[in-house]
Amino acid sequence: MATNQGAAASKAPTGAELGRGWFEHSPFARELGLELVSMDPDRAEVRLPYRAELATVADVVHGGAISALIDTTAALAAWSGHDPAQGTRWGTVSMTVNFEGAATGQDLVAAAEVRRRGKSVSFVSVTIKDADGGRIAQSLITYRLG
């Protein structure tokens, strides 16, 4: 008697699908207004549209909002190249952020790339740019996924 196990196995979600699902259903990402621009294996790009509620003073975007953008984009990059068969326990282990300029009254875009993927830890670099292409921040995230 033939079974349909191959079809069932092929329907298991990929890491990218799990990451996208998490992002689309995240109340925090929705509250920030984050928009997924692109996601490819080991890469992700996310936009943070500017709005006055994200400012710390005048029209300067709060570093906490920028850090949340960084963390979210790094997680998507890590998930995008992950094999869920290796496990699905996840979380940020560490994060360094170097702010290089003020983000003033513009949308921001984070571009993340997995630089090295280990058995359960990935090292992800993230660059934040404003709408004019100016660098706002650079970050390194250590992300556990496995």
C-alpha atoms as a PDB file:
ATOM      1  CA  MET A   1       0.000   0.000   0.000  1.00  0.00           C
ATOM      2  CA  ALA A   2       1.440   3.363  -1.019  1.00  0.00           C
ATOM      3  CA  THR A   3       1.659   6.189   1.450  1.00  0.00           C
ATOM      4  CA  ASN A   4       1.683   9.897   0.899  1.00  0.00           C
ATOM      5  CA  GLN A   5       4.519  10.693   3.326  1.00  0.00           C
ATOM      6  CA  GLY A   6       6.607  12.461   0.695  1.00  0.00           C
ATOM      7  CA  ALA A   7       3.798  14.923  -0.007  1.00  0.00           C
ATOM      8  CA  ALA A   8       3.313  15.598   3.712  1.00  0.00           C
ATOM      9  CA  ALA A   9       7.039  16.213   4.215  1.00  0.00           C
ATOM     10  CA  SER A  10       7.195  18.622   1.281  1.00  0.00           C
ATOM     11  CA  LYS A  11       4.393  20.678   2.844  1.00  0.00           C
ATOM     12  CA  ALA A  12       6.384  21.445   5.993  1.00  0.00           C
ATOM     13  CA  PRO A  13       7.035  25.194   6.184  1.00  0.00           C
ATOM     14  CA  THR A  14      10.481  26.519   5.389  1.00  0.00           C
ATOM     15  CA  GLY A  15      12.397  28.766   7.738  1.00  0.00           C
ATOM     16  CA  ALA A  16      11.573  31.698   5.482  1.00  0.00           C
ATOM     17  CA  GLU A  17       7.863  30.880   5.653  1.00  0.00           C
ATOM     18  CA  LEU A  18       7.991  30.603   9.453  1.00  0.00           C
ATOM     19  CA  GLY A  19       9.862  33.910   9.693  1.00  0.00           C
ATOM     20  CA  ARG A  20       7.437  35.661   7.365  1.00  0.00           C
ATOM     21  CA  GLY A  21       4.472  34.258   9.327  1.00  0.00           C
ATOM     22  CA  TRP A  22       5.949  35.493  12.606  1.00  0.00           C
ATOM     23  CA  PHE A  23       6.567  38.946  11.133  1.00  0.00           C
ATOM     24  CA  GLU A  24       3.086  39.243   9.628  1.00  0.00           C
ATOM     25  CA  HIS A  25       1.425  38.313  12.943  1.00  0.00           C
ATOM     26  CA  SER A  26       3.701  40.232  15.326  1.00  0.00           C
ATOM     27  CA  PRO A  27       1.715  42.847  17.277  1.00  0.00           C
ATOM     28  CA  PHE A  28       4.941  44.777  17.975  1.00  0.00           C
ATOM     29  CA  ALA A  29       6.025  44.901  14.317  1.00  0.00           C
ATOM     30  CA  ARG A  30       2.507  46.020  13.413  1.00  0.00           C
ATOM     31  CA  GLU A  31       2.570  48.723  16.132  1.00  0.00           C
ATOM     32  CA  LEU A  32       5.856  50.085  14.763  1.00  0.00           C
ATOM     33  CA  GLY A  33       4.451  49.965  11.219  1.00  0.00           C
ATOM     34  CA  LEU A  34       7.303  47.762   9.936  1.00  0.00           C
ATOM     35  CA  GLU A  35       7.050  46.687   6.289  1.00  0.00           C
ATOM     36  CA  LEU A  36       8.855  43.699   4.800  1.00  0.00           C
ATOM     37  CA  VAL A  37      10.642  44.886   1.664  1.00  0.00           C
ATOM     38  CA  SER A  38      12.414  41.649   0.708  1.00  0.00           C
ATOM     39  CA  MET A  39      13.592  38.353   2.097  1.00  0.00           C
ATOM     40  CA  ASP A  40      16.047  35.990   0.409  1.00  0.00           C
ATOM     41  CA  PRO A  41      18.189  33.193   1.879  1.00  0.00           C
ATOM     42  CA  ASP A  42      20.320  34.793   4.624  1.00  0.00           C
ATOM     43  CA  ARG A  43      19.089  38.309   3.789  1.00  0.00           C
ATOM     44  CA  ALA A  44      16.188  40.552   4.709  1.00  0.00           C
ATOM     45  CA  GLU A  45      15.203  44.163   4.219  1.00  0.00           C
ATOM     46  CA  VAL A  46      12.576  45.962   6.327  1.00  0.00           C
ATOM     47  CA  ARG A  47      11.247  49.545   6.189  1.00  0.00           C
ATOM     48  CA  LEU A  48      10.267  51.651   9.190  1.00  0.00           C
ATOM     49  CA  PRO A  49       7.981  54.427   7.908  1.00  0.00           C
ATOM     50  CA  TYR A  50       8.528  57.678   9.755  1.00  0.00           C
ATOM     51  CA  ARG A  51       5.737  58.990  11.946  1.00  0.00           C
ATOM     52  CA  ALA A  52       5.835  61.547  14.755  1.00  0.00           C
ATOM     53  CA  GLU A  53       5.076  58.919  17.436  1.00  0.00           C
ATOM     54  CA  LEU A  54       8.529  57.362  16.843  1.00  0.00           C
ATOM     55  CA  ALA A  55      10.413  60.575  17.615  1.00  0.00           C
ATOM     56  CA  THR A  56      12.367  61.226  20.779  1.00  0.00           C
ATOM     57  CA  VAL A  57      12.545  65.005  20.232  1.00  0.00           C
ATOM     58  CA  ALA A  58      11.388  67.113  17.287  1.00  0.00           C
ATOM     59  CA  ASP A  59      11.562  64.721  14.305  1.00  0.00           C
ATOM     60  CA  VAL A  60      14.555  62.612  15.450  1.00  0.00           C
ATOM     61  CA  VAL A  61      13.660  58.899  15.456  1.00  0.00           C
ATOM     62  CA  HIS A  62      14.167  57.279  18.862  1.00  0.00           C
ATOM     63  CA  GLY A  63      17.115  54.874  19.115  1.00  0.00           C
ATOM     64  CA  GLY A  64      14.801  52.259  20.620  1.00  0.00           C
ATOM     65  CA  ALA A  65      12.643  52.254  17.477  1.00  0.00           C
ATOM     66  CA  ILE A  66      15.783  51.929  15.360  1.00  0.00           C
ATOM     67  CA  SER A  67      17.031  49.083  17.566  1.00  0.00           C
ATOM     68  CA  ALA A  68      13.696  47.282  17.219  1.00  0.00           C
ATOM     69  CA  LEU A  69      13.982  47.643  13.432  1.00  0.00           C
ATOM     70  CA  ILE A  70      17.497  46.176  13.581  1.00  0.00           C
ATOM     71  CA  ASP A  71      16.495  43.235  15.786  1.00  0.00           C
ATOM     72  CA  THR A  72      13.449  42.367  13.685  1.00  0.00           C
ATOM     73  CA  THR A  73      15.357  42.520  10.395  1.00  0.00           C
ATOM     74  CA  ALA A  74      18.182  40.362  11.780  1.00  0.00           C
ATOM     75  CA  ALA A  75      15.670  37.752  12.937  1.00  0.00           C
ATOM     76  CA  LEU A  76      14.108  37.601   9.468  1.00  0.00           C
ATOM     77  CA  ALA A  77      17.525  37.169   7.844  1.00  0.00           C
ATOM     78  CA  ALA A  78      18.371  34.347  10.262  1.00  0.00           C
ATOM     79  CA  TRP A  79      15.050  32.599   9.669  1.00  0.00           C
ATOM     80  CA  SER A  80      15.241  33.051   5.884  1.00  0.00           C
ATOM     81  CA  GLY A  81      18.086  30.551   5.505  1.00  0.00           C
ATOM     82  CA  HIS A  82      17.214  28.256   8.417  1.00  0.00           C
ATOM     83  CA  ASP A  83      16.101  24.623   8.105  1.00  0.00           C
ATOM     84  CA  PRO A  84      13.308  24.129  10.671  1.00  0.00           C
ATOM     85  CA  ALA A  85      14.265  20.446  10.917  1.00  0.00           C
ATOM     86  CA  GLN A  86      17.288  21.725  12.887  1.00  0.00           C
ATOM     87  CA  GLY A  87      14.962  23.182  15.534  1.00  0.00           C
ATOM     88  CA  THR A  88      12.781  26.213  16.073  1.00  0.00           C
ATOM     89  CA  ARG A  89      13.900  27.608  19.429  1.00  0.00           C
ATOM     90  CA  TRP A  90      14.953  31.170  18.755  1.00  0.00           C
ATOM     91  CA  GLY A  91      15.964  34.507  20.199  1.00  0.00           C
ATOM     92  CA  THR A  92      18.464  37.321  20.145  1.00  0.00           C
ATOM     93  CA  VAL A  93      21.581  36.528  22.178  1.00  0.00           C
ATOM     94  CA  SER A  94      23.347  39.865  21.820  1.00  0.00           C
ATOM     95  CA  MET A  95      23.119  43.072  19.865  1.00  0.00           C
ATOM     96  CA  THR A  96      25.530  45.944  19.356  1.00  0.00           C
ATOM     97  CA  VAL A  97      24.403  49.136  17.686  1.00  0.00           C
ATOM     98  CA  ASN A  98      26.667  51.912  16.487  1.00  0.00           C
ATOM     99  CA  PHE A  99      24.673  55.027  15.669  1.00  0.00           C
ATOM    100  CA  GLU A 100      26.383  56.996  12.919  1.00  0.00           C
ATOM    101  CA  GLY A 101      23.896  59.788  12.340  1.00  0.00           C
ATOM    102  CA  ALA A 102      20.527  61.119  13.407  1.00  0.00           C
ATOM    103  CA  ALA A 103      17.457  59.790  11.637  1.00  0.00           C
ATOM    104  CA  THR A 104      15.336  62.872  11.118  1.00  0.00           C
ATOM    105  CA  GLY A 105      11.815  62.797   9.753  1.00  0.00           C
ATOM    106  CA  GLN A 106      12.394  60.097   7.120  1.00  0.00           C
ATOM    107  CA  ASP A 107      11.587  56.468   6.530  1.00  0.00           C
ATOM    108  CA  LEU A 108      14.396  54.099   7.475  1.00  0.00           C
ATOM    109  CA  VAL A 109      15.415  50.858   5.776  1.00  0.00           C
ATOM    110  CA  ALA A 110      17.319  48.061   7.465  1.00  0.00           C
ATOM    111  CA  ALA A 111      19.328  45.601   5.356  1.00  0.00           C
ATOM    112  CA  ALA A 112      20.446  42.443   7.180  1.00  0.00           C
ATOM    113  CA  GLU A 113      22.811  39.698   6.057  1.00  0.00           C
ATOM    114  CA  VAL A 114      23.855  36.524   7.832  1.00  0.00           C
ATOM    115  CA  ARG A 115      27.656  36.681   7.889  1.00  0.00           C
ATOM    116  CA  ARG A 116      28.166  33.301   9.493  1.00  0.00           C
ATOM    117  CA  ARG A 117      25.739  30.538  10.369  1.00  0.00           C
ATOM    118  CA  GLY A 118      26.738  27.959  12.955  1.00  0.00           C
ATOM    119  CA  LYS A 119      24.845  24.944  14.240  1.00  0.00           C
ATOM    120  CA  SER A 120      22.567  27.024  16.467  1.00  0.00           C
ATOM    121  CA  VAL A 121      23.938  30.587  16.330  1.00  0.00           C
ATOM    122  CA  SER A 122      24.028  33.037  13.449  1.00  0.00           C
ATOM    123  CA  PHE A 123      25.958  36.284  13.222  1.00  0.00           C
ATOM    124  CA  VAL A 124      23.999  38.924  11.350  1.00  0.00           C
ATOM    125  CA  SER A 125      25.130  42.379  10.257  1.00  0.00           C
ATOM    126  CA  VAL A 126      22.519  45.082   9.788  1.00  0.00           C
ATOM    127  CA  THR A 127      22.871  48.493   8.163  1.00  0.00           C
ATOM    128  CA  ILE A 128      20.258  51.220   8.610  1.00  0.00           C
ATOM    129  CA  LYS A 129      19.912  53.933   5.975  1.00  0.00           C
ATOM    130  CA  ASP A 130      17.524  56.842   5.654  1.00  0.00           C
ATOM    131  CA  ALA A 131      15.468  57.666   2.568  1.00  0.00           C
ATOM    132  CA  ASP A 132      18.360  59.731   1.168  1.00  0.00           C
ATOM    133  CA  GLY A 133      20.752  56.767   1.488  1.00  0.00           C
ATOM    134  CA  GLY A 134      22.588  58.214   4.493  1.00  0.00           C
ATOM    135  CA  ARG A 135      23.920  55.690   7.005  1.00  0.00           C
ATOM    136  CA  ILE A 136      22.169  55.935  10.337  1.00  0.00           C
ATOM    137  CA  ALA A 137      23.422  52.842  12.176  1.00  0.00           C
ATOM    138  CA  GLN A 138      25.446  49.658  11.871  1.00  0.00           C
ATOM    139  CA  SER A 139      24.790  46.615  14.029  1.00  0.00           C
ATOM    140  CA  LEU A 140      25.934  43.082  14.738  1.00  0.00           C
ATOM    141  CA  ILE A 141      23.357  40.632  16.086  1.00  0.00           C
ATOM    142  CA  THR A 142      24.070  37.207  17.501  1.00  0.00           C
ATOM    143  CA  TYR A 143      20.900  35.186  16.948  1.00  0.00           C
ATOM    144  CA  ARG A 144      20.130  31.721  18.333  1.00  0.00           C
ATOM    145  CA  LEU A 145      18.039  29.499  16.122  1.00  0.00           C
ATOM    146  CA  GLY A 146      17.986  25.763  16.455  1.00  0.00           C
END
